[in-house]
Amino acid sequence: MTDINNLDFNLLVTLDTLLAERNVTHAAKRLNLSQPAISTRLTRLRELLGDPLLLPAQRGMIPTERALELQEPLHAALEGVRQVIAAGSPFDPAKVQATIAIAASDYVQYSILIPLAQALRTEAPGIIIAWRTIDTSLLDTQMAGGAVSFALTTPETAPDSLRMRKLYTENYVAIARADHPDIQGTLDLDTFCALDHVIISPQGGGFHGPADDALAVLGRERHIAISAPGFLVVPEIIARSNMIALVPSRVAQGRPGRVQILKPPLPVTGFDMALVWHDRTTTHPLYRWLRDRIAKIVAEAATNRAPAH
């Protein structure tokens, strides 16, 4: 039997984090500790629990069966302790020390992460943001284990087991470089179809999007010259070429003088964006404050957006 008198809270938090991250480097960053400190704690845990717990692998670490048995009840117990303490303490974001992992696409980095990071530097400087590329197939497990705190994704791609708050509806706009020889202020359908396009394909290599469905209804088509894996590089490509692109309106904002923001010459279906989280963080003061702060940032940004011409 393990003598629980020798188990301190910091060791348990370290084990919980290691089981979520399965990587000493990532765990050290989340806990704001050095890698040697994490390794020392893991050694103590192995001695106290009589099990290797995590074994070295080619990438990260592999938990033993004993570690897997401990993961869920340990995490639930620690969350219970955190909620009890938080419920009895006044919440002051300026005094919080925490690492918050947010999973989203690069598009959301531009539209939400930048203003959120700016707000946190002033209002909650002790909060560190760990930005992660989203994989919706892993979200449920990542959030249950604490590896991801929030996700920003479309409602239809979010796992049904997670909680959700719709933030906004996004629309597409067309962009062209500011001194484009064929476009000045407006974009007609013939020009739209005649020019080369850049398209976004998150999985890479895709050459079909919502605009192509809309064009097919009209018996028209466009020419795709580049399929890019992310949104953020596209305005830079457009600003340096005679190609055009359809991008979410929030990606096009904030680039005065570099690109024209134009109304598409045909209706293109947009999408909703939602904030997603696990039920275990619903009542926690920090997470509740962050959800409200993100929603406020989105609302403030919406009032400052310039319309397409």
C-alpha atoms as a PDB file:
ATOM      1  CA  MET A   1       0.000   0.000   0.000  1.00  0.00           C
ATOM      2  CA  THR A   2       1.249   3.493  -0.832  1.00  0.00           C
ATOM      3  CA  ASP A   3       1.722   5.762   2.181  1.00  0.00           C
ATOM      4  CA  ILE A   4      -0.356   8.812   1.198  1.00  0.00           C
ATOM      5  CA  ASN A   5       1.404  10.850   3.871  1.00  0.00           C
ATOM      6  CA  ASN A   6       4.383  10.992   1.520  1.00  0.00           C
ATOM      7  CA  LEU A   7       2.307  12.273  -1.415  1.00  0.00           C
ATOM      8  CA  ASP A   8       2.189  16.061  -1.591  1.00  0.00           C
ATOM      9  CA  PHE A   9      -0.192  18.057  -3.761  1.00  0.00           C
ATOM     10  CA  ASN A  10       2.555  19.253  -6.123  1.00  0.00           C
ATOM     11  CA  LEU A  11       3.492  15.668  -6.976  1.00  0.00           C
ATOM     12  CA  LEU A  12      -0.111  14.854  -7.820  1.00  0.00           C
ATOM     13  CA  VAL A  13      -0.441  17.973  -9.984  1.00  0.00           C
ATOM     14  CA  THR A  14       2.755  17.000 -11.792  1.00  0.00           C
ATOM     15  CA  LEU A  15       1.473  13.484 -12.446  1.00  0.00           C
ATOM     16  CA  ASP A  16      -1.848  14.856 -13.706  1.00  0.00           C
ATOM     17  CA  THR A  17      -0.024  17.196 -16.093  1.00  0.00           C
ATOM     18  CA  LEU A  18       2.388  14.516 -17.314  1.00  0.00           C
ATOM     19  CA  LEU A  19      -0.482  12.148 -18.042  1.00  0.00           C
ATOM     20  CA  ALA A  20      -2.238  14.870 -20.025  1.00  0.00           C
ATOM     21  CA  GLU A  21       0.845  16.023 -21.947  1.00  0.00           C
ATOM     22  CA  ARG A  22       2.858  12.765 -22.061  1.00  0.00           C
ATOM     23  CA  ASN A  23       5.904  14.912 -22.653  1.00  0.00           C
ATOM     24  CA  VAL A  24       8.312  16.291 -20.023  1.00  0.00           C
ATOM     25  CA  THR A  25       9.046  19.480 -21.990  1.00  0.00           C
ATOM     26  CA  HIS A  26       5.354  20.316 -22.473  1.00  0.00           C
ATOM     27  CA  ALA A  27       4.561  19.498 -18.845  1.00  0.00           C
ATOM     28  CA  ALA A  28       7.385  21.769 -17.663  1.00  0.00           C
ATOM     29  CA  LYS A  29       5.997  24.661 -19.712  1.00  0.00           C
ATOM     30  CA  ARG A  30       2.486  24.181 -18.326  1.00  0.00           C
ATOM     31  CA  LEU A  31       3.740  24.117 -14.742  1.00  0.00           C
ATOM     32  CA  ASN A  32       6.356  26.848 -15.215  1.00  0.00           C
ATOM     33  CA  LEU A  33       9.089  24.478 -14.015  1.00  0.00           C
ATOM     34  CA  SER A  34      12.377  23.279 -15.459  1.00  0.00           C
ATOM     35  CA  GLN A  35      12.634  19.888 -17.144  1.00  0.00           C
ATOM     36  CA  PRO A  36      15.022  18.590 -14.440  1.00  0.00           C
ATOM     37  CA  ALA A  37      12.460  19.567 -11.780  1.00  0.00           C
ATOM     38  CA  ILE A  38       9.748  17.609 -13.592  1.00  0.00           C
ATOM     39  CA  SER A  39      12.070  14.612 -13.961  1.00  0.00           C
ATOM     40  CA  THR A  40      12.878  14.731 -10.228  1.00  0.00           C
ATOM     41  CA  ARG A  41       9.182  14.747  -9.348  1.00  0.00           C
ATOM     42  CA  LEU A  42       8.527  11.850 -11.715  1.00  0.00           C
ATOM     43  CA  THR A  43      11.299   9.851 -10.022  1.00  0.00           C
ATOM     44  CA  ARG A  44       9.677  10.472  -6.627  1.00  0.00           C
ATOM     45  CA  LEU A  45       6.276   9.430  -7.966  1.00  0.00           C
ATOM     46  CA  ARG A  46       7.723   6.204  -9.362  1.00  0.00           C
ATOM     47  CA  GLU A  47       9.280   5.381  -6.014  1.00  0.00           C
ATOM     48  CA  LEU A  48       6.135   6.191  -4.021  1.00  0.00           C
ATOM     49  CA  LEU A  49       3.714   4.385  -6.330  1.00  0.00           C
ATOM     50  CA  GLY A  50       5.997   1.479  -7.197  1.00  0.00           C
ATOM     51  CA  ASP A  51       5.400   1.815 -10.924  1.00  0.00           C
ATOM     52  CA  PRO A  52       7.303   3.413 -13.859  1.00  0.00           C
ATOM     53  CA  LEU A  53       4.116   5.390 -14.693  1.00  0.00           C
ATOM     54  CA  LEU A  54       5.474   6.856 -17.964  1.00  0.00           C
ATOM     55  CA  LEU A  55       7.958   5.153 -20.249  1.00  0.00           C
ATOM     56  CA  PRO A  56      10.223   6.947 -22.763  1.00  0.00           C
ATOM     57  CA  ALA A  57       9.069   6.669 -26.390  1.00  0.00           C
ATOM     58  CA  GLN A  58      10.247   8.010 -29.739  1.00  0.00           C
ATOM     59  CA  ARG A  59       7.922  10.992 -29.307  1.00  0.00           C
ATOM     60  CA  GLY A  60       7.080  11.849 -25.732  1.00  0.00           C
ATOM     61  CA  MET A  61       6.150   9.179 -23.201  1.00  0.00           C
ATOM     62  CA  ILE A  62       3.794   6.193 -22.990  1.00  0.00           C
ATOM     63  CA  PRO A  63       1.742   5.701 -19.786  1.00  0.00           C
ATOM     64  CA  THR A  64       1.737   2.324 -18.088  1.00  0.00           C
ATOM     65  CA  GLU A  65      -1.513   0.507 -17.310  1.00  0.00           C
ATOM     66  CA  ARG A  66      -1.262   1.695 -13.703  1.00  0.00           C
ATOM     67  CA  ALA A  67      -0.900   5.285 -14.897  1.00  0.00           C
ATOM     68  CA  LEU A  68      -3.943   4.954 -17.150  1.00  0.00           C
ATOM     69  CA  GLU A  69      -5.959   3.637 -14.207  1.00  0.00           C
ATOM     70  CA  LEU A  70      -4.948   6.692 -12.178  1.00  0.00           C
ATOM     71  CA  GLN A  71      -5.456   9.338 -14.852  1.00  0.00           C
ATOM     72  CA  GLU A  72      -9.224   9.933 -14.752  1.00  0.00           C
ATOM     73  CA  PRO A  73      -9.846   9.657 -10.971  1.00  0.00           C
ATOM     74  CA  LEU A  74      -6.723  11.730 -10.221  1.00  0.00           C
ATOM     75  CA  HIS A  75      -7.761  14.498 -12.578  1.00  0.00           C
ATOM     76  CA  ALA A  76     -11.322  14.524 -11.208  1.00  0.00           C
ATOM     77  CA  ALA A  77     -10.022  14.709  -7.631  1.00  0.00           C
ATOM     78  CA  LEU A  78      -7.680  17.618  -8.416  1.00  0.00           C
ATOM     79  CA  GLU A  79     -10.425  19.499 -10.225  1.00  0.00           C
ATOM     80  CA  GLY A  80     -12.633  19.019  -7.186  1.00  0.00           C
ATOM     81  CA  VAL A  81      -9.981  20.511  -4.927  1.00  0.00           C
ATOM     82  CA  ARG A  82      -9.445  23.448  -7.298  1.00  0.00           C
ATOM     83  CA  GLN A  83     -13.171  24.206  -7.446  1.00  0.00           C
ATOM     84  CA  VAL A  84     -13.544  24.063  -3.658  1.00  0.00           C
ATOM     85  CA  ILE A  85     -10.677  26.516  -3.218  1.00  0.00           C
ATOM     86  CA  ALA A  86     -11.878  28.789  -6.028  1.00  0.00           C
ATOM     87  CA  ALA A  87     -15.432  28.881  -4.665  1.00  0.00           C
ATOM     88  CA  GLY A  88     -14.219  30.249  -1.344  1.00  0.00           C
ATOM     89  CA  SER A  89     -11.837  32.854  -2.767  1.00  0.00           C
ATOM     90  CA  PRO A  90     -12.585  36.191  -4.452  1.00  0.00           C
ATOM     91  CA  PHE A  91     -11.540  36.105  -8.111  1.00  0.00           C
ATOM     92  CA  ASP A  92      -9.076  38.730  -9.301  1.00  0.00           C
ATOM     93  CA  PRO A  93      -7.747  38.145 -12.848  1.00  0.00           C
ATOM     94  CA  ALA A  94      -4.794  40.434 -12.160  1.00  0.00           C
ATOM     95  CA  LYS A  95      -3.516  37.956  -9.537  1.00  0.00           C
ATOM     96  CA  VAL A  96      -4.077  34.713 -11.440  1.00  0.00           C
ATOM     97  CA  GLN A  97      -1.117  32.533 -12.425  1.00  0.00           C
ATOM     98  CA  ALA A  98      -2.203  29.974 -15.016  1.00  0.00           C
ATOM     99  CA  THR A  99      -1.476  28.412 -18.392  1.00  0.00           C
ATOM    100  CA  ILE A 100      -4.479  28.249 -20.708  1.00  0.00           C
ATOM    101  CA  ALA A 101      -4.293  25.982 -23.763  1.00  0.00           C
ATOM    102  CA  ILE A 102      -6.460  27.097 -26.684  1.00  0.00           C
ATOM    103  CA  ALA A 103      -6.960  24.952 -29.791  1.00  0.00           C
ATOM    104  CA  ALA A 104      -7.986  26.634 -33.031  1.00  0.00           C
ATOM    105  CA  SER A 105      -7.042  27.249 -36.645  1.00  0.00           C
ATOM    106  CA  ASP A 106      -4.657  29.959 -37.797  1.00  0.00           C
ATOM    107  CA  TYR A 107      -7.658  32.042 -38.882  1.00  0.00           C
ATOM    108  CA  VAL A 108      -8.780  32.326 -35.260  1.00  0.00           C
ATOM    109  CA  GLN A 109      -5.274  33.320 -34.213  1.00  0.00           C
ATOM    110  CA  TYR A 110      -5.654  36.522 -36.194  1.00  0.00           C
ATOM    111  CA  SER A 111      -9.264  37.275 -35.321  1.00  0.00           C
ATOM    112  CA  ILE A 112      -9.243  36.367 -31.597  1.00  0.00           C
ATOM    113  CA  LEU A 113      -5.799  35.435 -30.247  1.00  0.00           C
ATOM    114  CA  ILE A 114      -4.128  38.774 -30.982  1.00  0.00           C
ATOM    115  CA  PRO A 115      -6.753  40.961 -29.241  1.00  0.00           C
ATOM    116  CA  LEU A 116      -7.042  38.404 -26.401  1.00  0.00           C
ATOM    117  CA  ALA A 117      -3.272  38.436 -25.825  1.00  0.00           C
ATOM    118  CA  GLN A 118      -3.287  42.241 -25.773  1.00  0.00           C
ATOM    119  CA  ALA A 119      -6.133  42.307 -23.235  1.00  0.00           C
ATOM    120  CA  LEU A 120      -4.497  39.723 -20.980  1.00  0.00           C
ATOM    121  CA  ARG A 121      -1.187  41.598 -20.831  1.00  0.00           C
ATOM    122  CA  THR A 122      -3.086  44.439 -19.150  1.00  0.00           C
ATOM    123  CA  GLU A 123      -5.826  42.653 -17.219  1.00  0.00           C
ATOM    124  CA  ALA A 124      -4.286  39.275 -16.337  1.00  0.00           C
ATOM    125  CA  PRO A 125      -0.516  39.313 -16.973  1.00  0.00           C
ATOM    126  CA  GLY A 126      -0.043  36.043 -15.062  1.00  0.00           C
ATOM    127  CA  ILE A 127      -1.985  34.062 -17.664  1.00  0.00           C
ATOM    128  CA  ILE A 128       0.121  32.305 -20.303  1.00  0.00           C
ATOM    129  CA  ILE A 129      -1.577  31.248 -23.556  1.00  0.00           C
ATOM    130  CA  ALA A 130      -0.519  27.944 -25.118  1.00  0.00           C
ATOM    131  CA  TRP A 131      -1.869  28.004 -28.680  1.00  0.00           C
ATOM    132  CA  ARG A 132      -2.440  24.632 -30.328  1.00  0.00           C
ATOM    133  CA  THR A 133      -3.497  23.523 -33.787  1.00  0.00           C
ATOM    134  CA  ILE A 134      -6.997  22.126 -33.507  1.00  0.00           C
ATOM    135  CA  ASP A 135      -7.845  18.476 -34.150  1.00  0.00           C
ATOM    136  CA  THR A 136     -11.567  18.077 -33.482  1.00  0.00           C
ATOM    137  CA  SER A 137     -11.278  14.277 -33.389  1.00  0.00           C
ATOM    138  CA  LEU A 138      -9.102  14.591 -30.256  1.00  0.00           C
ATOM    139  CA  LEU A 139     -10.879  17.481 -28.532  1.00  0.00           C
ATOM    140  CA  ASP A 140     -13.037  15.437 -26.181  1.00  0.00           C
ATOM    141  CA  THR A 141     -10.058  13.507 -24.825  1.00  0.00           C
ATOM    142  CA  GLN A 142      -7.785  16.556 -24.714  1.00  0.00           C
ATOM    143  CA  MET A 143     -10.303  18.617 -22.771  1.00  0.00           C
ATOM    144  CA  ALA A 144     -11.227  15.832 -20.370  1.00  0.00           C
ATOM    145  CA  GLY A 145      -7.532  15.408 -19.553  1.00  0.00           C
ATOM    146  CA  GLY A 146      -6.795  19.112 -19.268  1.00  0.00           C
ATOM    147  CA  ALA A 147      -4.464  19.295 -22.271  1.00  0.00           C
ATOM    148  CA  VAL A 148      -6.794  21.833 -23.930  1.00  0.00           C
ATOM    149  CA  SER A 149      -8.758  24.455 -22.000  1.00  0.00           C
ATOM    150  CA  PHE A 150     -10.804  26.001 -24.819  1.00  0.00           C
ATOM    151  CA  ALA A 151     -11.380  25.376 -28.499  1.00  0.00           C
ATOM    152  CA  LEU A 152     -12.646  27.689 -31.199  1.00  0.00           C
ATOM    153  CA  THR A 153     -14.307  25.882 -34.069  1.00  0.00           C
ATOM    154  CA  THR A 154     -17.495  25.636 -36.110  1.00  0.00           C
ATOM    155  CA  PRO A 155     -20.455  24.195 -34.157  1.00  0.00           C
ATOM    156  CA  GLU A 156     -20.936  21.269 -36.514  1.00  0.00           C
ATOM    157  CA  THR A 157     -17.362  20.031 -35.984  1.00  0.00           C
ATOM    158  CA  ALA A 158     -17.428  20.226 -32.164  1.00  0.00           C
ATOM    159  CA  PRO A 159     -17.970  16.943 -30.238  1.00  0.00           C
ATOM    160  CA  ASP A 160     -21.507  16.652 -28.840  1.00  0.00           C
ATOM    161  CA  SER A 161     -20.142  15.944 -25.343  1.00  0.00           C
ATOM    162  CA  LEU A 162     -18.661  19.458 -25.000  1.00  0.00           C
ATOM    163  CA  ARG A 163     -20.322  22.724 -24.059  1.00  0.00           C
ATOM    164  CA  MET A 164     -20.581  25.475 -26.649  1.00  0.00           C
ATOM    165  CA  ARG A 165     -21.195  29.214 -26.956  1.00  0.00           C
ATOM    166  CA  LYS A 166     -21.720  30.747 -30.388  1.00  0.00           C
ATOM    167  CA  LEU A 167     -19.514  33.790 -30.837  1.00  0.00           C
ATOM    168  CA  TYR A 168     -20.311  35.123 -34.303  1.00  0.00           C
ATOM    169  CA  THR A 169     -21.261  34.393 -37.888  1.00  0.00           C
ATOM    170  CA  GLU A 170     -18.441  34.886 -40.375  1.00  0.00           C
ATOM    171  CA  ASN A 171     -18.866  35.990 -43.973  1.00  0.00           C
ATOM    172  CA  TYR A 172     -16.496  35.761 -46.902  1.00  0.00           C
ATOM    173  CA  VAL A 173     -15.055  38.755 -48.725  1.00  0.00           C
ATOM    174  CA  ALA A 174     -12.902  38.979 -51.822  1.00  0.00           C
ATOM    175  CA  ILE A 175      -9.448  40.519 -51.619  1.00  0.00           C
ATOM    176  CA  ALA A 176      -7.144  41.885 -54.337  1.00  0.00           C
ATOM    177  CA  ARG A 177      -3.959  43.902 -54.108  1.00  0.00           C
ATOM    178  CA  ALA A 178      -4.447  47.628 -53.660  1.00  0.00           C
ATOM    179  CA  ASP A 179      -3.137  48.575 -57.133  1.00  0.00           C
ATOM    180  CA  HIS A 180      -4.581  45.622 -59.041  1.00  0.00           C
ATOM    181  CA  PRO A 181      -4.709  46.509 -62.764  1.00  0.00           C
ATOM    182  CA  ASP A 182      -8.149  44.935 -63.302  1.00  0.00           C
ATOM    183  CA  ILE A 183      -9.909  45.755 -60.020  1.00  0.00           C
ATOM    184  CA  GLN A 184     -10.541  49.135 -58.433  1.00  0.00           C
ATOM    185  CA  GLY A 185     -13.274  49.197 -55.825  1.00  0.00           C
ATOM    186  CA  THR A 186     -15.684  46.620 -57.276  1.00  0.00           C
ATOM    187  CA  LEU A 187     -15.487  43.063 -58.561  1.00  0.00           C
ATOM    188  CA  ASP A 188     -17.812  41.666 -61.245  1.00  0.00           C
ATOM    189  CA  LEU A 189     -18.434  37.995 -61.970  1.00  0.00           C
ATOM    190  CA  ASP A 190     -16.559  37.904 -65.282  1.00  0.00           C
ATOM    191  CA  THR A 191     -13.406  39.344 -63.707  1.00  0.00           C
ATOM    192  CA  PHE A 192     -13.814  37.021 -60.728  1.00  0.00           C
ATOM    193  CA  CYS A 193     -13.841  33.984 -63.027  1.00  0.00           C
ATOM    194  CA  ALA A 194     -11.062  35.238 -65.303  1.00  0.00           C
ATOM    195  CA  LEU A 195      -8.427  35.848 -62.606  1.00  0.00           C
ATOM    196  CA  ASP A 196      -6.275  33.270 -60.830  1.00  0.00           C
ATOM    197  CA  HIS A 197      -7.416  32.384 -57.293  1.00  0.00           C
ATOM    198  CA  VAL A 198      -5.766  31.348 -54.041  1.00  0.00           C
ATOM    199  CA  ILE A 199      -7.859  28.861 -52.053  1.00  0.00           C
ATOM    200  CA  ILE A 200      -7.505  27.722 -48.433  1.00  0.00           C
ATOM    201  CA  SER A 201      -7.341  23.975 -47.777  1.00  0.00           C
ATOM    202  CA  PRO A 202      -6.574  23.236 -44.082  1.00  0.00           C
ATOM    203  CA  GLN A 203      -5.796  19.587 -44.853  1.00  0.00           C
ATOM    204  CA  GLY A 204      -3.657  20.645 -47.815  1.00  0.00           C
ATOM    205  CA  GLY A 205      -4.067  20.109 -51.519  1.00  0.00           C
ATOM    206  CA  GLY A 206      -7.790  20.907 -51.811  1.00  0.00           C
ATOM    207  CA  PHE A 207      -9.013  22.818 -54.866  1.00  0.00           C
ATOM    208  CA  HIS A 208     -12.722  23.199 -54.150  1.00  0.00           C
ATOM    209  CA  GLY A 209     -14.557  25.530 -51.772  1.00  0.00           C
ATOM    210  CA  PRO A 210     -17.955  27.154 -51.100  1.00  0.00           C
ATOM    211  CA  ALA A 211     -17.467  29.592 -53.988  1.00  0.00           C
ATOM    212  CA  ASP A 212     -17.134  26.716 -56.465  1.00  0.00           C
ATOM    213  CA  ASP A 213     -20.516  25.346 -55.398  1.00  0.00           C
ATOM    214  CA  ALA A 214     -22.068  28.783 -55.892  1.00  0.00           C
ATOM    215  CA  LEU A 215     -20.408  29.141 -59.312  1.00  0.00           C
ATOM    216  CA  ALA A 216     -21.625  25.707 -60.421  1.00  0.00           C
ATOM    217  CA  VAL A 217     -25.222  26.807 -59.849  1.00  0.00           C
ATOM    218  CA  LEU A 218     -24.576  29.640 -62.326  1.00  0.00           C
ATOM    219  CA  GLY A 219     -22.808  27.354 -64.801  1.00  0.00           C
ATOM    220  CA  ARG A 220     -19.496  29.099 -64.179  1.00  0.00           C
ATOM    221  CA  GLU A 221     -16.114  28.100 -62.777  1.00  0.00           C
ATOM    222  CA  ARG A 222     -12.885  29.728 -61.615  1.00  0.00           C
ATOM    223  CA  HIS A 223      -9.200  28.876 -61.944  1.00  0.00           C
ATOM    224  CA  ILE A 224      -7.342  27.903 -58.767  1.00  0.00           C
ATOM    225  CA  ALA A 225      -3.639  28.748 -58.979  1.00  0.00           C
ATOM    226  CA  ILE A 226      -2.586  28.052 -55.365  1.00  0.00           C
ATOM    227  CA  SER A 227      -3.989  25.865 -52.592  1.00  0.00           C
ATOM    228  CA  ALA A 228      -2.659  27.196 -49.266  1.00  0.00           C
ATOM    229  CA  PRO A 229      -2.802  25.268 -45.962  1.00  0.00           C
ATOM    230  CA  GLY A 230      -3.784  28.281 -43.832  1.00  0.00           C
ATOM    231  CA  PHE A 231      -5.562  31.623 -43.987  1.00  0.00           C
ATOM    232  CA  LEU A 232      -2.895  33.972 -42.674  1.00  0.00           C
ATOM    233  CA  VAL A 233      -0.467  33.673 -45.578  1.00  0.00           C
ATOM    234  CA  VAL A 234      -3.151  34.378 -48.209  1.00  0.00           C
ATOM    235  CA  PRO A 235      -3.400  38.205 -47.863  1.00  0.00           C
ATOM    236  CA  GLU A 236       0.382  38.390 -48.221  1.00  0.00           C
ATOM    237  CA  ILE A 237       0.246  36.354 -51.431  1.00  0.00           C
ATOM    238  CA  ILE A 238      -2.562  38.558 -52.761  1.00  0.00           C
ATOM    239  CA  ALA A 239      -0.727  41.789 -51.854  1.00  0.00           C
ATOM    240  CA  ARG A 240       2.236  40.685 -53.979  1.00  0.00           C
ATOM    241  CA  SER A 241       0.431  39.326 -57.055  1.00  0.00           C
ATOM    242  CA  ASN A 242      -2.506  39.785 -59.421  1.00  0.00           C
ATOM    243  CA  MET A 243      -4.313  36.809 -57.938  1.00  0.00           C
ATOM    244  CA  ILE A 244      -7.456  37.169 -55.832  1.00  0.00           C
ATOM    245  CA  ALA A 245      -8.977  35.168 -52.989  1.00  0.00           C
ATOM    246  CA  LEU A 246     -12.083  34.707 -50.900  1.00  0.00           C
ATOM    247  CA  VAL A 247     -11.262  34.860 -47.195  1.00  0.00           C
ATOM    248  CA  PRO A 248     -13.201  35.284 -43.940  1.00  0.00           C
ATOM    249  CA  SER A 249     -13.797  38.995 -43.384  1.00  0.00           C
ATOM    250  CA  ARG A 250     -11.823  39.018 -40.120  1.00  0.00           C
ATOM    251  CA  VAL A 251      -8.701  37.842 -41.949  1.00  0.00           C
ATOM    252  CA  ALA A 252      -8.982  40.713 -44.421  1.00  0.00           C
ATOM    253  CA  GLN A 253      -9.306  43.406 -41.743  1.00  0.00           C
ATOM    254  CA  GLY A 254      -6.303  45.250 -40.376  1.00  0.00           C
ATOM    255  CA  ARG A 255      -4.336  45.462 -43.616  1.00  0.00           C
ATOM    256  CA  PRO A 256      -4.928  49.055 -44.771  1.00  0.00           C
ATOM    257  CA  GLY A 257      -3.278  50.006 -48.042  1.00  0.00           C
ATOM    258  CA  ARG A 258      -2.166  46.472 -48.896  1.00  0.00           C
ATOM    259  CA  VAL A 259      -5.336  44.842 -50.170  1.00  0.00           C
ATOM    260  CA  GLN A 260      -8.766  45.899 -51.359  1.00  0.00           C
ATOM    261  CA  ILE A 261     -11.669  44.323 -49.477  1.00  0.00           C
ATOM    262  CA  LEU A 262     -14.470  43.663 -51.943  1.00  0.00           C
ATOM    263  CA  LYS A 263     -17.970  42.259 -51.942  1.00  0.00           C
ATOM    264  CA  PRO A 264     -18.006  38.892 -53.767  1.00  0.00           C
ATOM    265  CA  PRO A 265     -19.921  39.011 -57.077  1.00  0.00           C
ATOM    266  CA  LEU A 266     -22.022  36.014 -55.994  1.00  0.00           C
ATOM    267  CA  PRO A 267     -23.448  34.797 -52.666  1.00  0.00           C
ATOM    268  CA  VAL A 268     -21.011  32.536 -50.780  1.00  0.00           C
ATOM    269  CA  THR A 269     -22.152  30.688 -47.664  1.00  0.00           C
ATOM    270  CA  GLY A 270     -20.320  31.745 -44.509  1.00  0.00           C
ATOM    271  CA  PHE A 271     -19.931  29.866 -41.231  1.00  0.00           C
ATOM    272  CA  ASP A 272     -20.490  30.177 -37.487  1.00  0.00           C
ATOM    273  CA  MET A 273     -17.681  30.239 -34.948  1.00  0.00           C
ATOM    274  CA  ALA A 274     -18.168  28.877 -31.420  1.00  0.00           C
ATOM    275  CA  LEU A 275     -16.225  28.723 -28.165  1.00  0.00           C
ATOM    276  CA  VAL A 276     -16.088  25.145 -26.857  1.00  0.00           C
ATOM    277  CA  TRP A 277     -15.140  23.829 -23.411  1.00  0.00           C
ATOM    278  CA  HIS A 278     -15.489  20.802 -21.143  1.00  0.00           C
ATOM    279  CA  ASP A 279     -18.133  20.661 -18.440  1.00  0.00           C
ATOM    280  CA  ARG A 280     -15.445  20.289 -15.758  1.00  0.00           C
ATOM    281  CA  THR A 281     -14.438  23.955 -16.206  1.00  0.00           C
ATOM    282  CA  THR A 282     -17.947  25.438 -16.469  1.00  0.00           C
ATOM    283  CA  THR A 283     -18.181  26.794 -12.917  1.00  0.00           C
ATOM    284  CA  HIS A 284     -14.503  27.639 -12.404  1.00  0.00           C
ATOM    285  CA  PRO A 285     -14.130  31.447 -11.911  1.00  0.00           C
ATOM    286  CA  LEU A 286     -11.049  31.748 -14.134  1.00  0.00           C
ATOM    287  CA  TYR A 287     -12.579  29.861 -17.049  1.00  0.00           C
ATOM    288  CA  ARG A 288     -15.903  31.645 -16.673  1.00  0.00           C
ATOM    289  CA  TRP A 289     -14.091  35.008 -16.751  1.00  0.00           C
ATOM    290  CA  LEU A 290     -12.113  33.996 -19.842  1.00  0.00           C
ATOM    291  CA  ARG A 291     -15.243  32.854 -21.685  1.00  0.00           C
ATOM    292  CA  ASP A 292     -16.895  36.198 -21.006  1.00  0.00           C
ATOM    293  CA  ARG A 293     -13.710  38.112 -21.938  1.00  0.00           C
ATOM    294  CA  ILE A 294     -13.392  36.311 -25.267  1.00  0.00           C
ATOM    295  CA  ALA A 295     -17.060  36.986 -26.056  1.00  0.00           C
ATOM    296  CA  LYS A 296     -16.567  40.681 -25.231  1.00  0.00           C
ATOM    297  CA  ILE A 297     -13.485  40.905 -27.454  1.00  0.00           C
ATOM    298  CA  VAL A 298     -15.463  39.434 -30.345  1.00  0.00           C
ATOM    299  CA  ALA A 299     -18.318  41.882 -29.780  1.00  0.00           C
ATOM    300  CA  GLU A 300     -15.926  44.863 -29.650  1.00  0.00           C
ATOM    301  CA  ALA A 301     -14.180  43.749 -32.833  1.00  0.00           C
ATOM    302  CA  ALA A 302     -17.530  43.445 -34.643  1.00  0.00           C
ATOM    303  CA  THR A 303     -18.307  47.125 -34.051  1.00  0.00           C
ATOM    304  CA  ASN A 304     -14.982  48.206 -35.568  1.00  0.00           C
ATOM    305  CA  ARG A 305     -15.050  46.148 -38.766  1.00  0.00           C
ATOM    306  CA  ALA A 306     -14.982  47.913 -42.094  1.00  0.00           C
ATOM    307  CA  PRO A 307     -17.543  46.733 -44.671  1.00  0.00           C
ATOM    308  CA  ALA A 308     -16.553  45.325 -48.054  1.00  0.00           C
ATOM    309  CA  HIS A 309     -16.980  47.629 -51.047  1.00  0.00           C
END
